[in-house]
Amino acid sequence: MNFFKILLTFIYLLFSSVVYADSHDAQQNIVEKAKEINQKIKKDQALKAANNQNAAGKEEPLPLNDPFVGDGSLGGTGGVELIANSDEDKRKLSVFNFKLVGVIGSSDDLYASMIDENGEILTLGLFEEISPGIKLVGVNTKEVVFERDGGSLVAINFKNQIIERAK
């Protein structure tokens, strides 16, 4: 019976010391560690932001217009003037000054997107004129075909090869 009294007393003393142990210091340490980690994270974020600003100055600027968007990227303006009054304007609107950048088709309509040497985009529908006497008469996945003054055909492919054909 003495053995049980000693054992119970020993267990009581063991648990009573655990119950009265001061755990307040551990909670303060956790709070202090959390504050330190938070400060480190803020410093890292500030360094990354500073590096991004420095790197942004070294990068190339993005182009202001996207040739794949169409005329909407030009601010809603017409882009290329379709009415040519002088000979110089007619030469600017010559088929030879454009490069084919895209063909858009649906079951009802066909369109060709072309870009000139100034980066201005022109989107033409089937049978629309690029300049007086030069109209788009054929569009397929490989090339677009223009008719010049009812006499000859000019084809432009995606390799920007311009081929003149007899009608």
C-alpha atoms as a PDB file:
ATOM      1  CA  MET A   1       0.000   0.000   0.000  1.00  0.00           C
ATOM      2  CA  ASN A   2       2.911   2.289   0.633  1.00  0.00           C
ATOM      3  CA  PHE A   3       4.073   1.614  -2.843  1.00  0.00           C
ATOM      4  CA  PHE A   4       0.780   2.980  -4.246  1.00  0.00           C
ATOM      5  CA  LYS A   5       0.942   6.074  -2.021  1.00  0.00           C
ATOM      6  CA  ILE A   6       4.435   6.824  -3.208  1.00  0.00           C
ATOM      7  CA  LEU A   7       3.481   6.218  -6.827  1.00  0.00           C
ATOM      8  CA  LEU A   8       0.400   8.445  -6.593  1.00  0.00           C
ATOM      9  CA  THR A   9       2.379  11.176  -4.857  1.00  0.00           C
ATOM     10  CA  PHE A  10       5.062  10.989  -7.525  1.00  0.00           C
ATOM     11  CA  ILE A  11       2.478  11.225 -10.337  1.00  0.00           C
ATOM     12  CA  TYR A  12       0.740  14.124  -8.575  1.00  0.00           C
ATOM     13  CA  LEU A  13       3.992  16.047  -8.234  1.00  0.00           C
ATOM     14  CA  LEU A  14       4.900  15.343 -11.812  1.00  0.00           C
ATOM     15  CA  PHE A  15       1.589  16.632 -13.194  1.00  0.00           C
ATOM     16  CA  SER A  16       1.376  19.560 -10.808  1.00  0.00           C
ATOM     17  CA  SER A  17       4.728  20.874 -12.030  1.00  0.00           C
ATOM     18  CA  VAL A  18       3.521  20.620 -15.622  1.00  0.00           C
ATOM     19  CA  VAL A  19       0.308  22.435 -14.806  1.00  0.00           C
ATOM     20  CA  TYR A  20       2.143  25.274 -13.085  1.00  0.00           C
ATOM     21  CA  ALA A  21       4.803  25.621 -15.806  1.00  0.00           C
ATOM     22  CA  ASP A  22       5.015  29.119 -17.257  1.00  0.00           C
ATOM     23  CA  SER A  23       4.038  29.029 -20.941  1.00  0.00           C
ATOM     24  CA  HIS A  24       3.756  32.812 -21.310  1.00  0.00           C
ATOM     25  CA  ASP A  25       7.342  33.119 -22.583  1.00  0.00           C
ATOM     26  CA  ALA A  26       6.705  30.657 -25.400  1.00  0.00           C
ATOM     27  CA  GLN A  27       3.726  32.699 -26.622  1.00  0.00           C
ATOM     28  CA  GLN A  28       5.793  35.892 -26.578  1.00  0.00           C
ATOM     29  CA  ASN A  29       8.551  34.172 -28.535  1.00  0.00           C
ATOM     30  CA  ILE A  30       6.054  33.066 -31.190  1.00  0.00           C
ATOM     31  CA  VAL A  31       4.691  36.609 -31.524  1.00  0.00           C
ATOM     32  CA  GLU A  32       8.206  38.052 -31.798  1.00  0.00           C
ATOM     33  CA  LYS A  33       9.191  35.470 -34.408  1.00  0.00           C
ATOM     34  CA  ALA A  34       6.050  36.259 -36.407  1.00  0.00           C
ATOM     35  CA  LYS A  35       6.933  39.978 -36.337  1.00  0.00           C
ATOM     36  CA  GLU A  36      10.477  39.233 -37.510  1.00  0.00           C
ATOM     37  CA  ILE A  37       9.228  37.043 -40.366  1.00  0.00           C
ATOM     38  CA  ASN A  38       6.736  39.736 -41.372  1.00  0.00           C
ATOM     39  CA  GLN A  39       9.524  42.343 -41.473  1.00  0.00           C
ATOM     40  CA  LYS A  40      11.696  40.051 -43.600  1.00  0.00           C
ATOM     41  CA  ILE A  41       8.847  39.502 -46.046  1.00  0.00           C
ATOM     42  CA  LYS A  42       8.252  43.252 -46.344  1.00  0.00           C
ATOM     43  CA  LYS A  43      11.947  43.847 -47.023  1.00  0.00           C
ATOM     44  CA  ASP A  44      11.990  41.110 -49.679  1.00  0.00           C
ATOM     45  CA  GLN A  45       8.906  42.584 -51.355  1.00  0.00           C
ATOM     46  CA  ALA A  46      10.478  46.053 -51.351  1.00  0.00           C
ATOM     47  CA  LEU A  47      13.668  44.655 -52.938  1.00  0.00           C
ATOM     48  CA  LYS A  48      11.689  42.781 -55.580  1.00  0.00           C
ATOM     49  CA  ALA A  49       9.654  45.900 -56.393  1.00  0.00           C
ATOM     50  CA  ALA A  50      12.843  47.937 -56.744  1.00  0.00           C
ATOM     51  CA  ASN A  51      14.381  45.250 -59.003  1.00  0.00           C
ATOM     52  CA  ASN A  52      11.245  45.138 -61.154  1.00  0.00           C
ATOM     53  CA  GLN A  53      11.346  48.910 -61.618  1.00  0.00           C
ATOM     54  CA  ASN A  54      15.004  48.739 -62.606  1.00  0.00           C
ATOM     55  CA  ALA A  55      14.368  45.819 -64.962  1.00  0.00           C
ATOM     56  CA  ALA A  56      11.355  47.561 -66.510  1.00  0.00           C
ATOM     57  CA  GLY A  57      13.607  50.403 -67.590  1.00  0.00           C
ATOM     58  CA  LYS A  58      15.865  47.944 -69.453  1.00  0.00           C
ATOM     59  CA  GLU A  59      13.080  46.150 -71.368  1.00  0.00           C
ATOM     60  CA  GLU A  60      11.955  47.127 -74.824  1.00  0.00           C
ATOM     61  CA  PRO A  61       8.694  49.057 -75.001  1.00  0.00           C
ATOM     62  CA  LEU A  62       5.723  47.178 -76.381  1.00  0.00           C
ATOM     63  CA  PRO A  63       4.326  48.248 -79.756  1.00  0.00           C
ATOM     64  CA  LEU A  64       1.354  50.576 -79.649  1.00  0.00           C
ATOM     65  CA  ASN A  65      -0.662  48.599 -82.160  1.00  0.00           C
ATOM     66  CA  ASP A  66      -1.172  44.903 -82.649  1.00  0.00           C
ATOM     67  CA  PRO A  67      -1.426  43.741 -86.265  1.00  0.00           C
ATOM     68  CA  PHE A  68      -3.620  40.831 -85.220  1.00  0.00           C
ATOM     69  CA  VAL A  69      -6.286  43.019 -83.571  1.00  0.00           C
ATOM     70  CA  GLY A  70      -7.204  44.980 -86.669  1.00  0.00           C
ATOM     71  CA  ASP A  71      -8.259  48.593 -87.030  1.00  0.00           C
ATOM     72  CA  GLY A  72      -9.456  48.786 -83.396  1.00  0.00           C
ATOM     73  CA  SER A  73      -5.861  49.114 -82.209  1.00  0.00           C
ATOM     74  CA  LEU A  74      -5.453  52.329 -84.186  1.00  0.00           C
ATOM     75  CA  GLY A  75      -7.864  54.248 -81.996  1.00  0.00           C
ATOM     76  CA  GLY A  76     -10.860  53.866 -84.263  1.00  0.00           C
ATOM     77  CA  THR A  77      -9.439  56.007 -87.059  1.00  0.00           C
ATOM     78  CA  GLY A  78      -9.543  54.817 -90.618  1.00  0.00           C
ATOM     79  CA  GLY A  79      -5.835  54.085 -90.742  1.00  0.00           C
ATOM     80  CA  VAL A  80      -5.266  54.267 -94.502  1.00  0.00           C
ATOM     81  CA  GLU A  81      -7.137  56.815 -96.593  1.00  0.00           C
ATOM     82  CA  LEU A  82      -8.911  54.899 -99.323  1.00  0.00           C
ATOM     83  CA  ILE A  83      -9.553  57.855-101.602  1.00  0.00           C
ATOM     84  CA  ALA A  84      -6.451  58.918-103.472  1.00  0.00           C
ATOM     85  CA  ASN A  85      -6.502  62.413-104.974  1.00  0.00           C
ATOM     86  CA  SER A  86      -2.953  62.808-106.253  1.00  0.00           C
ATOM     87  CA  ASP A  87      -0.534  60.506-108.064  1.00  0.00           C
ATOM     88  CA  GLU A  88       1.591  60.277-104.920  1.00  0.00           C
ATOM     89  CA  ASP A  89      -1.417  59.080-102.904  1.00  0.00           C
ATOM     90  CA  LYS A  90      -2.159  56.513-105.603  1.00  0.00           C
ATOM     91  CA  ARG A  91       1.415  55.204-105.411  1.00  0.00           C
ATOM     92  CA  LYS A  92       1.080  54.906-101.631  1.00  0.00           C
ATOM     93  CA  LEU A  93      -2.065  52.829-102.082  1.00  0.00           C
ATOM     94  CA  SER A  94      -0.463  50.583-104.681  1.00  0.00           C
ATOM     95  CA  VAL A  95      -0.769  46.871-103.994  1.00  0.00           C
ATOM     96  CA  PHE A  96       3.023  46.626-104.052  1.00  0.00           C
ATOM     97  CA  ASN A  97       3.328  48.685-100.836  1.00  0.00           C
ATOM     98  CA  PHE A  98       1.352  46.243 -98.694  1.00  0.00           C
ATOM     99  CA  LYS A  99       2.158  42.968 -96.969  1.00  0.00           C
ATOM    100  CA  LEU A 100      -0.427  40.311 -96.245  1.00  0.00           C
ATOM    101  CA  VAL A 101      -0.728  39.609 -92.501  1.00  0.00           C
ATOM    102  CA  GLY A 102      -4.003  37.746 -92.187  1.00  0.00           C
ATOM    103  CA  VAL A 103      -7.026  36.238 -93.869  1.00  0.00           C
ATOM    104  CA  ILE A 104     -10.351  36.126 -92.071  1.00  0.00           C
ATOM    105  CA  GLY A 105     -13.200  34.069 -93.379  1.00  0.00           C
ATOM    106  CA  SER A 106     -16.680  32.961 -92.427  1.00  0.00           C
ATOM    107  CA  SER A 107     -19.478  31.259 -94.265  1.00  0.00           C
ATOM    108  CA  ASP A 108     -20.738  34.650 -95.492  1.00  0.00           C
ATOM    109  CA  ASP A 109     -17.753  37.004 -95.781  1.00  0.00           C
ATOM    110  CA  LEU A 110     -14.031  36.994 -96.566  1.00  0.00           C
ATOM    111  CA  TYR A 111     -11.548  39.637 -95.401  1.00  0.00           C
ATOM    112  CA  ALA A 112      -7.837  40.260 -95.898  1.00  0.00           C
ATOM    113  CA  SER A 113      -5.697  42.214 -93.422  1.00  0.00           C
ATOM    114  CA  MET A 114      -2.712  43.986 -94.874  1.00  0.00           C
ATOM    115  CA  ILE A 115      -0.099  46.306 -93.427  1.00  0.00           C
ATOM    116  CA  ASP A 116       1.831  49.085 -95.149  1.00  0.00           C
ATOM    117  CA  GLU A 117       5.394  50.296 -94.587  1.00  0.00           C
ATOM    118  CA  ASN A 118       4.205  52.752 -91.895  1.00  0.00           C
ATOM    119  CA  GLY A 119       2.627  49.970 -89.835  1.00  0.00           C
ATOM    120  CA  GLU A 120      -0.928  51.014 -90.638  1.00  0.00           C
ATOM    121  CA  ILE A 121      -3.366  48.155 -90.977  1.00  0.00           C
ATOM    122  CA  LEU A 122      -5.954  47.908 -93.728  1.00  0.00           C
ATOM    123  CA  THR A 123      -8.695  45.305 -93.666  1.00  0.00           C
ATOM    124  CA  LEU A 124     -10.531  44.793 -96.953  1.00  0.00           C
ATOM    125  CA  GLY A 125     -13.629  42.771 -97.671  1.00  0.00           C
ATOM    126  CA  LEU A 126     -14.181  40.838-100.861  1.00  0.00           C
ATOM    127  CA  PHE A 127     -14.776  43.194-103.851  1.00  0.00           C
ATOM    128  CA  GLU A 128     -13.661  46.306-101.924  1.00  0.00           C
ATOM    129  CA  GLU A 129     -11.219  48.672-103.617  1.00  0.00           C
ATOM    130  CA  ILE A 130      -7.816  49.460-102.122  1.00  0.00           C
ATOM    131  CA  SER A 131      -7.602  52.412-104.514  1.00  0.00           C
ATOM    132  CA  PRO A 132      -9.681  53.387-107.553  1.00  0.00           C
ATOM    133  CA  GLY A 133      -9.498  50.584-110.084  1.00  0.00           C
ATOM    134  CA  ILE A 134      -7.782  48.038-107.793  1.00  0.00           C
ATOM    135  CA  LYS A 135     -10.207  45.729-106.004  1.00  0.00           C
ATOM    136  CA  LEU A 136      -9.927  42.531-104.016  1.00  0.00           C
ATOM    137  CA  VAL A 137     -11.440  39.681-106.038  1.00  0.00           C
ATOM    138  CA  GLY A 138     -10.089  36.525-104.399  1.00  0.00           C
ATOM    139  CA  VAL A 139      -9.182  35.398-100.890  1.00  0.00           C
ATOM    140  CA  ASN A 140      -7.981  31.962 -99.824  1.00  0.00           C
ATOM    141  CA  THR A 141      -5.723  30.544 -97.123  1.00  0.00           C
ATOM    142  CA  LYS A 142      -2.590  30.963 -99.259  1.00  0.00           C
ATOM    143  CA  GLU A 143      -3.018  34.290-101.047  1.00  0.00           C
ATOM    144  CA  VAL A 144      -5.203  37.262-101.901  1.00  0.00           C
ATOM    145  CA  VAL A 145      -5.870  38.363-105.479  1.00  0.00           C
ATOM    146  CA  PHE A 146      -6.479  41.907-106.676  1.00  0.00           C
ATOM    147  CA  GLU A 147      -7.846  42.948-110.065  1.00  0.00           C
ATOM    148  CA  ARG A 148      -6.189  46.031-111.600  1.00  0.00           C
ATOM    149  CA  ASP A 149      -8.366  48.154-113.904  1.00  0.00           C
ATOM    150  CA  GLY A 150     -10.125  45.052-115.189  1.00  0.00           C
ATOM    151  CA  GLY A 151      -6.999  43.981-117.079  1.00  0.00           C
ATOM    152  CA  SER A 152      -4.585  42.017-114.916  1.00  0.00           C
ATOM    153  CA  LEU A 153      -4.512  40.196-111.612  1.00  0.00           C
ATOM    154  CA  VAL A 154      -2.009  40.708-108.797  1.00  0.00           C
ATOM    155  CA  ALA A 155      -1.635  38.009-106.137  1.00  0.00           C
ATOM    156  CA  ILE A 156       0.056  38.489-102.739  1.00  0.00           C
ATOM    157  CA  ASN A 157       0.918  35.443-100.643  1.00  0.00           C
ATOM    158  CA  PHE A 158       2.026  35.111 -97.006  1.00  0.00           C
ATOM    159  CA  LYS A 159       5.690  35.051 -98.070  1.00  0.00           C
ATOM    160  CA  ASN A 160       4.966  38.565 -99.377  1.00  0.00           C
ATOM    161  CA  GLN A 161       5.688  37.518-102.926  1.00  0.00           C
ATOM    162  CA  ILE A 162       3.721  39.633-105.386  1.00  0.00           C
ATOM    163  CA  ILE A 163       2.854  37.808-108.595  1.00  0.00           C
ATOM    164  CA  GLU A 164       1.274  39.553-111.558  1.00  0.00           C
ATOM    165  CA  ARG A 165      -0.924  37.385-113.789  1.00  0.00           C
ATOM    166  CA  ALA A 166      -2.806  37.924-117.000  1.00  0.00           C
ATOM    167  CA  LYS A 167      -6.550  37.650-116.721  1.00  0.00           C
END
